[in-house]
Amino acid sequence: MANKSASKKDIKQSEKRRVANKSRRTFVKTCVKNVEESIKIGNKEKAMLALKTFEKQGMKAVTKGVFHIKTISRKISRLYSRVKVLAS
C-alpha cells in the first residue's frame, strides 16, 4: 500500500480510470454485437443504425484513449462492407 498522499491519490485516480475504461470498452463491444446481430437477421436499416452508433461510440473511445484509432477504423470498415453486401 502507498505511504505518501500523492501515491494514494494516484491509486484512486487509476481505479476511477480503470472502471470508466472498462465501461467504455464493454459498451463498444455491445455496439459491435448489435451490428452483427442485425446483419445476421438481415435487417439493413437496423444494421445501419447500429453501425452509426458503433462508429460514434468507437471514435469517442479512441479520443479517450481506450482503443487505438486503427483498431476501431478496421472494425468500422469491415462492418460497413458486411452491411453493404447485405444491401445487395
PDB file of N, CA and C in Angstrom:
ATOM      1  N   MET A   1       0.843  -1.188   0.000  1.00  0.00           N
ATOM      2  CA  MET A   1       0.000   0.000   0.000  1.00  0.00           C
ATOM      3  C   MET A   1       0.877   1.236   0.000  1.00  0.00           C
ATOM      4  N   ALA A   2       0.373   2.286  -0.605  1.00  0.00           N
ATOM      5  CA  ALA A   2       1.129   3.534  -0.714  1.00  0.00           C
ATOM      6  C   ALA A   2       1.206   4.232   0.645  1.00  0.00           C
ATOM      7  N   ASN A   3       2.310   4.929   0.840  1.00  0.00           N
ATOM      8  CA  ASN A   3       2.501   5.654   2.088  1.00  0.00           C
ATOM      9  C   ASN A   3       2.263   7.148   1.938  1.00  0.00           C
ATOM     10  N   LYS A   4       2.649   7.699   0.806  1.00  0.00           N
ATOM     11  CA  LYS A   4       2.516   9.137   0.598  1.00  0.00           C
ATOM     12  C   LYS A   4       1.123   9.472   0.077  1.00  0.00           C
ATOM     13  N   SER A   5       0.684  10.682   0.393  1.00  0.00           N
ATOM     14  CA  SER A   5      -0.661  11.075  -0.007  1.00  0.00           C
ATOM     15  C   SER A   5      -0.789  11.174  -1.522  1.00  0.00           C
ATOM     16  N   ALA A   6       0.266  11.595  -2.212  1.00  0.00           N
ATOM     17  CA  ALA A   6       0.228  11.672  -3.670  1.00  0.00           C
ATOM     18  C   ALA A   6       0.080  10.278  -4.282  1.00  0.00           C
ATOM     19  N   SER A   7       0.730   9.304  -3.692  1.00  0.00           N
ATOM     20  CA  SER A   7       0.620   7.928  -4.181  1.00  0.00           C
ATOM     21  C   SER A   7      -0.780   7.376  -3.951  1.00  0.00           C
ATOM     22  N   LYS A   8      -1.358   7.721  -2.804  1.00  0.00           N
ATOM     23  CA  LYS A   8      -2.724   7.283  -2.520  1.00  0.00           C
ATOM     24  C   LYS A   8      -3.698   7.894  -3.530  1.00  0.00           C
ATOM     25  N   LYS A   9      -3.471   9.164  -3.849  1.00  0.00           N
ATOM     26  CA  LYS A   9      -4.319   9.836  -4.831  1.00  0.00           C
ATOM     27  C   LYS A   9      -4.172   9.182  -6.195  1.00  0.00           C
ATOM     28  N   ASP A  10      -2.942   8.839  -6.582  1.00  0.00           N
ATOM     29  CA  ASP A  10      -2.702   8.169  -7.860  1.00  0.00           C
ATOM     30  C   ASP A  10      -3.468   6.851  -7.945  1.00  0.00           C
ATOM     31  N   ILE A  11      -3.497   6.107  -6.852  1.00  0.00           N
ATOM     32  CA  ILE A  11      -4.214   4.832  -6.825  1.00  0.00           C
ATOM     33  C   ILE A  11      -5.704   5.054  -7.031  1.00  0.00           C
ATOM     34  N   LYS A  12      -6.255   6.072  -6.376  1.00  0.00           N
ATOM     35  CA  LYS A  12      -7.673   6.387  -6.536  1.00  0.00           C
ATOM     36  C   LYS A  12      -7.988   6.796  -7.973  1.00  0.00           C
ATOM     37  N   GLN A  13      -7.127   7.632  -8.552  1.00  0.00           N
ATOM     38  CA  GLN A  13      -7.357   8.100  -9.915  1.00  0.00           C
ATOM     39  C   GLN A  13      -7.273   6.954 -10.917  1.00  0.00           C
ATOM     40  N   SER A  14      -6.290   6.103 -10.745  1.00  0.00           N
ATOM     41  CA  SER A  14      -6.139   4.996 -11.697  1.00  0.00           C
ATOM     42  C   SER A  14      -7.311   4.020 -11.590  1.00  0.00           C
ATOM     43  N   GLU A  15      -7.847   3.846 -10.396  1.00  0.00           N
ATOM     44  CA  GLU A  15      -9.008   2.972 -10.234  1.00  0.00           C
ATOM     45  C   GLU A  15     -10.237   3.565 -10.924  1.00  0.00           C
ATOM     46  N   LYS A  16     -10.425   4.876 -10.789  1.00  0.00           N
ATOM     47  CA  LYS A  16     -11.543   5.535 -11.465  1.00  0.00           C
ATOM     48  C   LYS A  16     -11.408   5.416 -12.984  1.00  0.00           C
ATOM     49  N   ARG A  17     -10.192   5.585 -13.486  1.00  0.00           N
ATOM     50  CA  ARG A  17      -9.944   5.465 -14.925  1.00  0.00           C
ATOM     51  C   ARG A  17     -10.194   4.039 -15.406  1.00  0.00           C
ATOM     52  N   ARG A  18      -9.765   3.070 -14.603  1.00  0.00           N
ATOM     53  CA  ARG A  18      -9.932   1.667 -14.966  1.00  0.00           C
ATOM     54  C   ARG A  18     -11.410   1.323 -15.093  1.00  0.00           C
ATOM     55  N   VAL A  19     -12.209   1.774 -14.157  1.00  0.00           N
ATOM     56  CA  VAL A  19     -13.641   1.488 -14.184  1.00  0.00           C
ATOM     57  C   VAL A  19     -14.302   2.164 -15.385  1.00  0.00           C
ATOM     58  N   ALA A  20     -13.940   3.425 -15.640  1.00  0.00           N
ATOM     59  CA  ALA A  20     -14.513   4.156 -16.777  1.00  0.00           C
ATOM     60  C   ALA A  20     -14.116   3.512 -18.092  1.00  0.00           C
ATOM     61  N   ASN A  21     -12.859   3.122 -18.226  1.00  0.00           N
ATOM     62  CA  ASN A  21     -12.378   2.499 -19.461  1.00  0.00           C
ATOM     63  C   ASN A  21     -13.056   1.153 -19.687  1.00  0.00           C
ATOM     64  N   LYS A  22     -13.256   0.406 -18.609  1.00  0.00           N
ATOM     65  CA  LYS A  22     -13.921  -0.889 -18.734  1.00  0.00           C
ATOM     66  C   LYS A  22     -15.350  -0.698 -19.226  1.00  0.00           C
ATOM     67  N   SER A  23     -16.020   0.312 -18.706  1.00  0.00           N
ATOM     68  CA  SER A  23     -17.386   0.604 -19.121  1.00  0.00           C
ATOM     69  C   SER A  23     -17.439   0.986 -20.599  1.00  0.00           C
ATOM     70  N   ARG A  24     -16.520   1.845 -21.033  1.00  0.00           N
ATOM     71  CA  ARG A  24     -16.477   2.255 -22.435  1.00  0.00           C
ATOM     72  C   ARG A  24     -16.186   1.068 -23.351  1.00  0.00           C
ATOM     73  N   ARG A  25     -15.211   0.243 -22.955  1.00  0.00           N
ATOM     74  CA  ARG A  25     -14.828  -0.914 -23.753  1.00  0.00           C
ATOM     75  C   ARG A  25     -16.012  -1.880 -23.895  1.00  0.00           C
ATOM     76  N   THR A  26     -16.734  -2.111 -22.798  1.00  0.00           N
ATOM     77  CA  THR A  26     -17.875  -3.013 -22.807  1.00  0.00           C
ATOM     78  C   THR A  26     -18.981  -2.474 -23.694  1.00  0.00           C
ATOM     79  N   PHE A  27     -19.223  -1.155 -23.628  1.00  0.00           N
ATOM     80  CA  PHE A  27     -20.283  -0.565 -24.440  1.00  0.00           C
ATOM     81  C   PHE A  27     -19.959  -0.659 -25.923  1.00  0.00           C
ATOM     82  N   VAL A  28     -18.710  -0.447 -26.280  1.00  0.00           N
ATOM     83  CA  VAL A  28     -18.309  -0.552 -27.686  1.00  0.00           C
ATOM     84  C   VAL A  28     -18.476  -1.989 -28.166  1.00  0.00           C
ATOM     85  N   LYS A  29     -18.110  -2.958 -27.355  1.00  0.00           N
ATOM     86  CA  LYS A  29     -18.285  -4.360 -27.726  1.00  0.00           C
ATOM     87  C   LYS A  29     -19.761  -4.693 -27.915  1.00  0.00           C
ATOM     88  N   THR A  30     -20.621  -4.132 -27.069  1.00  0.00           N
ATOM     89  CA  THR A  30     -22.055  -4.347 -27.191  1.00  0.00           C
ATOM     90  C   THR A  30     -22.577  -3.764 -28.499  1.00  0.00           C
ATOM     91  N   CYS A  31     -22.062  -2.600 -28.869  1.00  0.00           N
ATOM     92  CA  CYS A  31     -22.459  -1.983 -30.147  1.00  0.00           C
ATOM     93  C   CYS A  31     -22.086  -2.879 -31.318  1.00  0.00           C
ATOM     94  N   VAL A  32     -20.906  -3.470 -31.270  1.00  0.00           N
ATOM     95  CA  VAL A  32     -20.474  -4.386 -32.338  1.00  0.00           C
ATOM     96  C   VAL A  32     -21.415  -5.590 -32.396  1.00  0.00           C
ATOM     97  N   LYS A  33     -21.777  -6.123 -31.252  1.00  0.00           N
ATOM     98  CA  LYS A  33     -22.682  -7.268 -31.215  1.00  0.00           C
ATOM     99  C   LYS A  33     -24.043  -6.911 -31.806  1.00  0.00           C
ATOM    100  N   ASN A  34     -24.519  -5.685 -31.533  1.00  0.00           N
ATOM    101  CA  ASN A  34     -25.800  -5.254 -32.089  1.00  0.00           C
ATOM    102  C   ASN A  34     -25.752  -5.190 -33.611  1.00  0.00           C
ATOM    103  N   VAL A  35     -24.648  -4.693 -34.148  1.00  0.00           N
ATOM    104  CA  VAL A  35     -24.500  -4.630 -35.606  1.00  0.00           C
ATOM    105  C   VAL A  35     -24.479  -6.038 -36.190  1.00  0.00           C
ATOM    106  N   GLU A  36     -23.688  -6.914 -35.599  1.00  0.00           N
ATOM    107  CA  GLU A  36     -23.579  -8.279 -36.118  1.00  0.00           C
ATOM    108  C   GLU A  36     -24.907  -9.025 -36.029  1.00  0.00           C
ATOM    109  N   GLU A  37     -25.659  -8.779 -34.968  1.00  0.00           N
ATOM    110  CA  GLU A  37     -26.965  -9.414 -34.822  1.00  0.00           C
ATOM    111  C   GLU A  37     -27.921  -8.936 -35.903  1.00  0.00           C
ATOM    112  N   SER A  38     -27.884  -7.636 -36.201  1.00  0.00           N
ATOM    113  CA  SER A  38     -28.739  -7.084 -37.252  1.00  0.00           C
ATOM    114  C   SER A  38     -28.358  -7.632 -38.619  1.00  0.00           C
ATOM    115  N   ILE A  39     -27.060  -7.818 -38.839  1.00  0.00           N
ATOM    116  CA  ILE A  39     -26.594  -8.401 -40.104  1.00  0.00           C
ATOM    117  C   ILE A  39     -27.076  -9.843 -40.225  1.00  0.00           C
ATOM    118  N   LYS A  40     -26.994 -10.576 -39.123  1.00  0.00           N
ATOM    119  CA  LYS A  40     -27.421 -11.980 -39.137  1.00  0.00           C
ATOM    120  C   LYS A  40     -28.908 -12.099 -39.446  1.00  0.00           C
ATOM    121  N   ILE A  41     -29.698 -11.194 -38.890  1.00  0.00           N
ATOM    122  CA  ILE A  41     -31.136 -11.192 -39.147  1.00  0.00           C
ATOM    123  C   ILE A  41     -31.423 -10.804 -40.589  1.00  0.00           C
ATOM    124  N   GLY A  42     -30.618  -9.866 -41.105  1.00  0.00           N
ATOM    125  CA  GLY A  42     -30.804  -9.411 -42.476  1.00  0.00           C
ATOM    126  C   GLY A  42     -31.506  -8.073 -42.566  1.00  0.00           C
ATOM    127  N   ASN A  43     -31.596  -7.366 -41.443  1.00  0.00           N
ATOM    128  CA  ASN A  43     -32.274  -6.077 -41.399  1.00  0.00           C
ATOM    129  C   ASN A  43     -31.259  -4.962 -41.677  1.00  0.00           C
ATOM    130  N   LYS A  44     -31.284  -4.422 -42.894  1.00  0.00           N
ATOM    131  CA  LYS A  44     -30.289  -3.421 -43.289  1.00  0.00           C
ATOM    132  C   LYS A  44     -30.456  -2.113 -42.523  1.00  0.00           C
ATOM    133  N   GLU A  45     -31.695  -1.652 -42.330  1.00  0.00           N
ATOM    134  CA  GLU A  45     -31.931  -0.377 -41.654  1.00  0.00           C
ATOM    135  C   GLU A  45     -31.442  -0.424 -40.211  1.00  0.00           C
ATOM    136  N   LYS A  46     -31.780  -1.497 -39.537  1.00  0.00           N
ATOM    137  CA  LYS A  46     -31.356  -1.652 -38.142  1.00  0.00           C
ATOM    138  C   LYS A  46     -29.833  -1.786 -38.050  1.00  0.00           C
ATOM    139  N   ALA A  47     -29.251  -2.483 -39.014  1.00  0.00           N
ATOM    140  CA  ALA A  47     -27.796  -2.657 -39.036  1.00  0.00           C
ATOM    141  C   ALA A  47     -27.090  -1.321 -39.245  1.00  0.00           C
ATOM    142  N   MET A  48     -27.611  -0.499 -40.163  1.00  0.00           N
ATOM    143  CA  MET A  48     -27.001   0.814 -40.408  1.00  0.00           C
ATOM    144  C   MET A  48     -27.120   1.720 -39.186  1.00  0.00           C
ATOM    145  N   LEU A  49     -28.273   1.679 -38.529  1.00  0.00           N
ATOM    146  CA  LEU A  49     -28.467   2.488 -37.323  1.00  0.00           C
ATOM    147  C   LEU A  49     -27.502   2.049 -36.218  1.00  0.00           C
ATOM    148  N   ALA A  50     -27.367   0.746 -36.031  1.00  0.00           N
ATOM    149  CA  ALA A  50     -26.444   0.226 -35.027  1.00  0.00           C
ATOM    150  C   ALA A  50     -24.996   0.530 -35.396  1.00  0.00           C
ATOM    151  N   LEU A  51     -24.703   0.514 -36.697  1.00  0.00           N
ATOM    152  CA  LEU A  51     -23.349   0.815 -37.163  1.00  0.00           C
ATOM    153  C   LEU A  51     -22.993   2.271 -36.914  1.00  0.00           C
ATOM    154  N   LYS A  52     -23.936   3.164 -37.125  1.00  0.00           N
ATOM    155  CA  LYS A  52     -23.696   4.583 -36.852  1.00  0.00           C
ATOM    156  C   LYS A  52     -23.442   4.802 -35.356  1.00  0.00           C
ATOM    157  N   THR A  53     -24.192   4.104 -34.520  1.00  0.00           N
ATOM    158  CA  THR A  53     -23.982   4.196 -33.068  1.00  0.00           C
ATOM    159  C   THR A  53     -22.601   3.680 -32.699  1.00  0.00           C
ATOM    160  N   PHE A  54     -22.228   2.544 -33.288  1.00  0.00           N
ATOM    161  CA  PHE A  54     -20.906   1.980 -33.017  1.00  0.00           C
ATOM    162  C   PHE A  54     -19.802   2.926 -33.467  1.00  0.00           C
ATOM    163  N   GLU A  55     -19.982   3.526 -34.639  1.00  0.00           N
ATOM    164  CA  GLU A  55     -18.963   4.424 -35.166  1.00  0.00           C
ATOM    165  C   GLU A  55     -18.759   5.621 -34.233  1.00  0.00           C
ATOM    166  N   LYS A  56     -19.852   6.195 -33.767  1.00  0.00           N
ATOM    167  CA  LYS A  56     -19.768   7.352 -32.872  1.00  0.00           C
ATOM    168  C   LYS A  56     -19.113   6.971 -31.538  1.00  0.00           C
ATOM    169  N   GLN A  57     -19.582   5.881 -30.944  1.00  0.00           N
ATOM    170  CA  GLN A  57     -19.051   5.481 -29.643  1.00  0.00           C
ATOM    171  C   GLN A  57     -17.616   4.970 -29.742  1.00  0.00           C
ATOM    172  N   GLY A  58     -17.300   4.310 -30.856  1.00  0.00           N
ATOM    173  CA  GLY A  58     -15.936   3.829 -31.058  1.00  0.00           C
ATOM    174  C   GLY A  58     -14.942   4.969 -31.170  1.00  0.00           C
ATOM    175  N   MET A  59     -15.296   5.988 -31.933  1.00  0.00           N
ATOM    176  CA  MET A  59     -14.401   7.142 -32.073  1.00  0.00           C
ATOM    177  C   MET A  59     -14.297   7.934 -30.772  1.00  0.00           C
ATOM    178  N   LYS A  60     -15.372   7.939 -30.014  1.00  0.00           N
ATOM    179  CA  LYS A  60     -15.321   8.596 -28.708  1.00  0.00           C
ATOM    180  C   LYS A  60     -14.354   7.854 -27.781  1.00  0.00           C
ATOM    181  N   ALA A  61     -14.371   6.522 -27.861  1.00  0.00           N
ATOM    182  CA  ALA A  61     -13.446   5.719 -27.059  1.00  0.00           C
ATOM    183  C   ALA A  61     -12.004   5.944 -27.511  1.00  0.00           C
ATOM    184  N   VAL A  62     -11.813   6.191 -28.809  1.00  0.00           N
ATOM    185  CA  VAL A  62     -10.474   6.486 -29.317  1.00  0.00           C
ATOM    186  C   VAL A  62      -9.959   7.792 -28.724  1.00  0.00           C
ATOM    187  N   THR A  63     -10.810   8.813 -28.685  1.00  0.00           N
ATOM    188  CA  THR A  63     -10.367  10.096 -28.142  1.00  0.00           C
ATOM    189  C   THR A  63     -10.078  10.012 -26.653  1.00  0.00           C
ATOM    190  N   LYS A  64     -10.739   9.072 -25.969  1.00  0.00           N
ATOM    191  CA  LYS A  64     -10.484   8.876 -24.535  1.00  0.00           C
ATOM    192  C   LYS A  64      -9.265   7.991 -24.279  1.00  0.00           C
ATOM    193  N   GLY A  65      -8.739   7.376 -25.336  1.00  0.00           N
ATOM    194  CA  GLY A  65      -7.546   6.559 -25.191  1.00  0.00           C
ATOM    195  C   GLY A  65      -7.810   5.113 -24.838  1.00  0.00           C
ATOM    196  N   VAL A  66      -9.050   4.668 -25.005  1.00  0.00           N
ATOM    197  CA  VAL A  66      -9.390   3.291 -24.665  1.00  0.00           C
ATOM    198  C   VAL A  66      -8.960   2.336 -25.771  1.00  0.00           C
ATOM    199  N   PHE A  67      -9.179   2.752 -27.038  1.00  0.00           N
ATOM    200  CA  PHE A  67      -8.799   1.955 -28.193  1.00  0.00           C
ATOM    201  C   PHE A  67      -7.850   2.756 -29.075  1.00  0.00           C
ATOM    202  N   HIS A  68      -7.101   2.048 -29.886  1.00  0.00           N
ATOM    203  CA  HIS A  68      -6.265   2.700 -30.896  1.00  0.00           C
ATOM    204  C   HIS A  68      -7.151   3.001 -32.100  1.00  0.00           C
ATOM    205  N   ILE A  69      -6.859   4.092 -32.769  1.00  0.00           N
ATOM    206  CA  ILE A  69      -7.705   4.523 -33.890  1.00  0.00           C
ATOM    207  C   ILE A  69      -7.725   3.503 -35.020  1.00  0.00           C
ATOM    208  N   LYS A  70      -6.606   2.847 -35.258  1.00  0.00           N
ATOM    209  CA  LYS A  70      -6.579   1.864 -36.343  1.00  0.00           C
ATOM    210  C   LYS A  70      -7.447   0.656 -36.028  1.00  0.00           C
ATOM    211  N   THR A  71      -7.568   0.314 -34.763  1.00  0.00           N
ATOM    212  CA  THR A  71      -8.408  -0.812 -34.371  1.00  0.00           C
ATOM    213  C   THR A  71      -9.872  -0.521 -34.671  1.00  0.00           C
ATOM    214  N   ILE A  72     -10.325   0.644 -34.247  1.00  0.00           N
ATOM    215  CA  ILE A  72     -11.721   0.997 -34.462  1.00  0.00           C
ATOM    216  C   ILE A  72     -11.996   1.221 -35.946  1.00  0.00           C
ATOM    217  N   SER A  73     -11.064   1.856 -36.651  1.00  0.00           N
ATOM    218  CA  SER A  73     -11.246   2.083 -38.086  1.00  0.00           C
ATOM    219  C   SER A  73     -11.359   0.767 -38.846  1.00  0.00           C
ATOM    220  N   ARG A  74     -10.552  -0.206 -38.469  1.00  0.00           N
ATOM    221  CA  ARG A  74     -10.601  -1.517 -39.108  1.00  0.00           C
ATOM    222  C   ARG A  74     -11.954  -2.189 -38.866  1.00  0.00           C
ATOM    223  N   LYS A  75     -12.439  -2.118 -37.623  1.00  0.00           N
ATOM    224  CA  LYS A  75     -13.722  -2.738 -37.308  1.00  0.00           C
ATOM    225  C   LYS A  75     -14.867  -2.056 -38.051  1.00  0.00           C
ATOM    226  N   ILE A  76     -14.820  -0.715 -38.115  1.00  0.00           N
ATOM    227  CA  ILE A  76     -15.858   0.030 -38.828  1.00  0.00           C
ATOM    228  C   ILE A  76     -15.858  -0.355 -40.306  1.00  0.00           C
ATOM    229  N   SER A  77     -14.673  -0.408 -40.898  1.00  0.00           N
ATOM    230  CA  SER A  77     -14.557  -0.736 -42.310  1.00  0.00           C
ATOM    231  C   SER A  77     -15.116  -2.124 -42.607  1.00  0.00           C
ATOM    232  N   ARG A  78     -14.770  -3.084 -41.792  1.00  0.00           N
ATOM    233  CA  ARG A  78     -15.234  -4.450 -42.022  1.00  0.00           C
ATOM    234  C   ARG A  78     -16.743  -4.575 -41.853  1.00  0.00           C
ATOM    235  N   LEU A  79     -17.289  -3.866 -40.854  1.00  0.00           N
ATOM    236  CA  LEU A  79     -18.730  -3.930 -40.651  1.00  0.00           C
ATOM    237  C   LEU A  79     -19.481  -3.225 -41.784  1.00  0.00           C
ATOM    238  N   TYR A  80     -18.946  -2.090 -42.252  1.00  0.00           N
ATOM    239  CA  TYR A  80     -19.575  -1.400 -43.380  1.00  0.00           C
ATOM    240  C   TYR A  80     -19.620  -2.295 -44.612  1.00  0.00           C
ATOM    241  N   SER A  81     -18.523  -3.008 -44.871  1.00  0.00           N
ATOM    242  CA  SER A  81     -18.509  -3.886 -46.043  1.00  0.00           C
ATOM    243  C   SER A  81     -19.514  -5.026 -45.899  1.00  0.00           C
ATOM    244  N   ARG A  82     -19.697  -5.528 -44.699  1.00  0.00           N
ATOM    245  CA  ARG A  82     -20.686  -6.590 -44.481  1.00  0.00           C
ATOM    246  C   ARG A  82     -22.117  -6.080 -44.659  1.00  0.00           C
ATOM    247  N   VAL A  83     -22.367  -4.846 -44.205  1.00  0.00           N
ATOM    248  CA  VAL A  83     -23.696  -4.270 -44.374  1.00  0.00           C
ATOM    249  C   VAL A  83     -23.950  -3.970 -45.842  1.00  0.00           C
ATOM    250  N   LYS A  84     -22.917  -3.524 -46.541  1.00  0.00           N
ATOM    251  CA  LYS A  84     -23.041  -3.217 -47.962  1.00  0.00           C
ATOM    252  C   LYS A  84     -23.414  -4.478 -48.751  1.00  0.00           C
ATOM    253  N   VAL A  85     -22.791  -5.595 -48.436  1.00  0.00           N
ATOM    254  CA  VAL A  85     -23.118  -6.871 -49.089  1.00  0.00           C
ATOM    255  C   VAL A  85     -24.560  -7.273 -48.764  1.00  0.00           C
ATOM    256  N   LEU A  86     -24.966  -6.982 -47.540  1.00  0.00           N
ATOM    257  CA  LEU A  86     -26.336  -7.300 -47.115  1.00  0.00           C
ATOM    258  C   LEU A  86     -27.357  -6.535 -47.958  1.00  0.00           C
ATOM    259  N   ALA A  87     -27.017  -5.319 -48.333  1.00  0.00           N
ATOM    260  CA  ALA A  87     -27.937  -4.471 -49.094  1.00  0.00           C
ATOM    261  C   ALA A  87     -28.184  -5.012 -50.504  1.00  0.00           C
ATOM    262  N   SER A  88     -27.157  -5.592 -51.085  1.00  0.00           N
ATOM    263  CA  SER A  88     -27.327  -6.053 -52.464  1.00  0.00           C
ATOM    264  C   SER A  88     -27.803  -7.472 -52.583  1.00  0.00           C
TER     265      SER A  88
END
